[in-house]
Amino acid sequence: QVQLVESGGGLVQAGGSLRLSCAASGRTFSNQAMGWFRQAPGKEREFVAAINWSGTSTGYADFVKGRFTISRENAKNTVYLQIDSLTPEDTAVYYCAAYAGSRLFTGNVNSWGQGTQVTVSS
């Protein structure tokens, strides 16, 4: 299993942008679909976005509404989440996840990062 470390979170004003990064260690990264999830205080963890092994196919939660973009660089073992037009409702811990499969939504998540906090002030 890959080890995942997120970075890029922080405090930002509403309307701002952030790019989250997830660095993976392990030889299987380039063969795995990857995803981002988030968990707000008092709420369950929810799916945000996913990308297949090659970066040619992506999927998003309905609430994203074009504001989030997931991408990956297999040469750098890194997956990204660009978040634009942030709102206070985006405040959450954002987690990177590795799927067991290589295509979108195939296999369960078999590895989680520790999370990075995103806080959006109004």
Protein backbone atom coordinates (compact mmCIF):
# COMPACT_ATOMS: atom_id res chain seq x y z
CA GLN A 1 0.00 0.00 0.00
CA VAL A 2 1.08 3.54 -0.66
CA GLN A 3 1.73 6.02 2.11
CA LEU A 4 0.02 9.37 1.59
CA VAL A 5 0.94 12.79 2.95
CA GLU A 6 -1.25 15.83 2.27
CA SER A 7 -0.17 19.45 2.31
CA GLY A 8 -1.40 22.84 1.19
CA GLY A 9 -4.23 23.43 3.62
CA GLY A 10 -4.61 26.62 5.61
CA LEU A 11 -6.75 29.61 6.43
CA VAL A 12 -8.15 31.51 3.47
CA GLN A 13 -10.83 34.15 2.95
CA ALA A 14 -14.05 33.34 1.15
CA GLY A 15 -13.58 33.65 -2.59
CA GLY A 16 -9.95 32.60 -2.42
CA SER A 17 -8.22 29.52 -3.77
CA LEU A 18 -6.04 26.72 -2.49
CA ARG A 19 -4.14 23.87 -4.09
CA LEU A 20 -3.85 20.77 -1.99
CA SER A 21 -1.13 18.25 -2.72
CA CYS A 22 -0.84 14.60 -1.81
CA ALA A 23 2.57 12.97 -2.03
CA ALA A 24 2.59 9.20 -2.29
CA SER A 25 5.36 6.77 -1.53
CA GLY A 26 5.30 3.31 -3.03
CA ARG A 27 5.62 1.71 -6.41
CA THR A 28 1.90 1.19 -7.03
CA PHE A 29 0.84 4.85 -7.13
CA SER A 30 0.85 5.13 -10.91
CA ASN A 31 -1.43 2.08 -11.16
CA GLN A 32 -4.02 3.31 -8.69
CA ALA A 33 -7.00 5.60 -8.95
CA MET A 34 -6.82 8.38 -6.38
CA GLY A 35 -9.39 10.48 -4.60
CA TRP A 36 -10.04 13.34 -2.24
CA PHE A 37 -12.54 13.29 0.60
CA ARG A 38 -13.40 15.82 3.26
CA GLN A 39 -14.87 15.84 6.74
CA ALA A 40 -16.40 18.92 8.30
CA PRO A 41 -16.88 19.23 12.09
CA GLY A 42 -19.78 17.11 13.24
CA LYS A 43 -20.30 15.56 9.81
CA GLU A 44 -19.39 12.32 8.13
CA ARG A 45 -16.52 12.07 5.70
CA GLU A 46 -17.73 12.71 2.16
CA PHE A 47 -16.39 12.10 -1.32
CA VAL A 48 -15.05 15.13 -3.20
CA ALA A 49 -13.25 13.98 -6.35
CA ALA A 50 -11.45 11.06 -7.96
CA ILE A 51 -9.07 10.47 -10.85
CA ASN A 52 -8.08 7.32 -12.68
CA TRP A 53 -4.56 5.96 -12.89
CA SER A 54 -3.59 7.91 -16.01
CA GLY A 55 -5.35 11.15 -15.23
CA THR A 56 -7.62 10.86 -18.27
CA SER A 57 -10.83 10.36 -16.34
CA THR A 58 -12.17 12.27 -13.35
CA GLY A 59 -15.29 12.32 -11.21
CA TYR A 60 -16.69 14.88 -8.79
CA ALA A 61 -19.33 15.21 -6.10
CA ASP A 62 -22.35 17.24 -7.09
CA PHE A 63 -21.57 20.02 -4.64
CA VAL A 64 -18.26 20.77 -6.40
CA LYS A 65 -20.08 22.70 -9.15
CA GLY A 66 -16.96 23.26 -11.21
CA ARG A 67 -14.96 24.84 -8.40
CA PHE A 68 -12.66 21.86 -7.75
CA THR A 69 -10.16 20.28 -10.10
CA ILE A 70 -8.33 17.04 -9.41
CA SER A 71 -5.13 16.20 -11.27
CA ARG A 72 -2.06 14.03 -10.90
CA GLU A 73 1.58 13.80 -11.90
CA ASN A 74 2.65 10.19 -11.86
CA ALA A 75 6.28 11.13 -12.42
CA LYS A 76 6.15 12.97 -9.10
CA ASN A 77 3.89 10.49 -7.30
CA THR A 78 1.58 13.39 -6.51
CA VAL A 79 -2.12 14.12 -6.81
CA TYR A 80 -3.56 17.61 -6.50
CA LEU A 81 -6.86 19.26 -5.66
CA GLN A 82 -7.33 22.81 -6.86
CA ILE A 83 -10.17 24.56 -5.03
CA ASP A 84 -11.45 27.89 -6.30
CA SER A 85 -14.15 30.27 -5.07
CA LEU A 86 -13.91 28.89 -1.56
CA THR A 87 -16.84 29.36 0.79
CA PRO A 88 -17.09 28.83 4.57
CA GLU A 89 -19.01 25.62 3.80
CA ASP A 90 -15.77 24.21 2.36
CA THR A 91 -14.17 24.30 5.81
CA ALA A 92 -13.11 20.73 6.58
CA VAL A 93 -10.22 18.35 6.90
CA TYR A 94 -9.35 17.15 3.41
CA TYR A 95 -8.07 13.60 3.01
CA CYS A 96 -6.23 11.99 0.15
CA ALA A 97 -7.14 8.39 -0.65
CA ALA A 98 -5.76 5.61 -2.82
CA TYR A 99 -8.12 3.11 -4.41
CA ALA A 100 -7.36 -0.55 -4.89
CA GLY A 101 -8.30 -0.31 -8.57
CA SER A 102 -6.87 1.73 -11.42
CA ARG A 103 -10.10 2.92 -13.01
CA LEU A 104 -12.53 5.36 -11.45
CA PHE A 105 -14.49 3.97 -8.50
CA THR A 106 -13.09 0.46 -8.81
CA GLY A 107 -12.08 -1.20 -5.61
CA ASN A 108 -12.23 0.19 -2.13
CA VAL A 109 -9.99 2.83 -0.66
CA ASN A 110 -7.01 0.98 0.74
CA SER A 111 -4.92 3.86 1.98
CA TRP A 112 -5.66 7.23 3.60
CA GLY A 113 -3.56 10.25 4.32
CA GLN A 114 -3.60 12.00 7.66
CA GLY A 115 -5.56 14.97 6.33
CA THR A 116 -4.95 18.67 5.90
CA GLN A 117 -7.14 21.37 7.44
CA VAL A 118 -8.84 23.93 5.22
CA THR A 119 -10.52 26.80 6.99
CA VAL A 120 -12.44 29.45 5.06
CA SER A 121 -13.34 32.70 6.78
CA SER A 122 -16.29 34.82 5.73
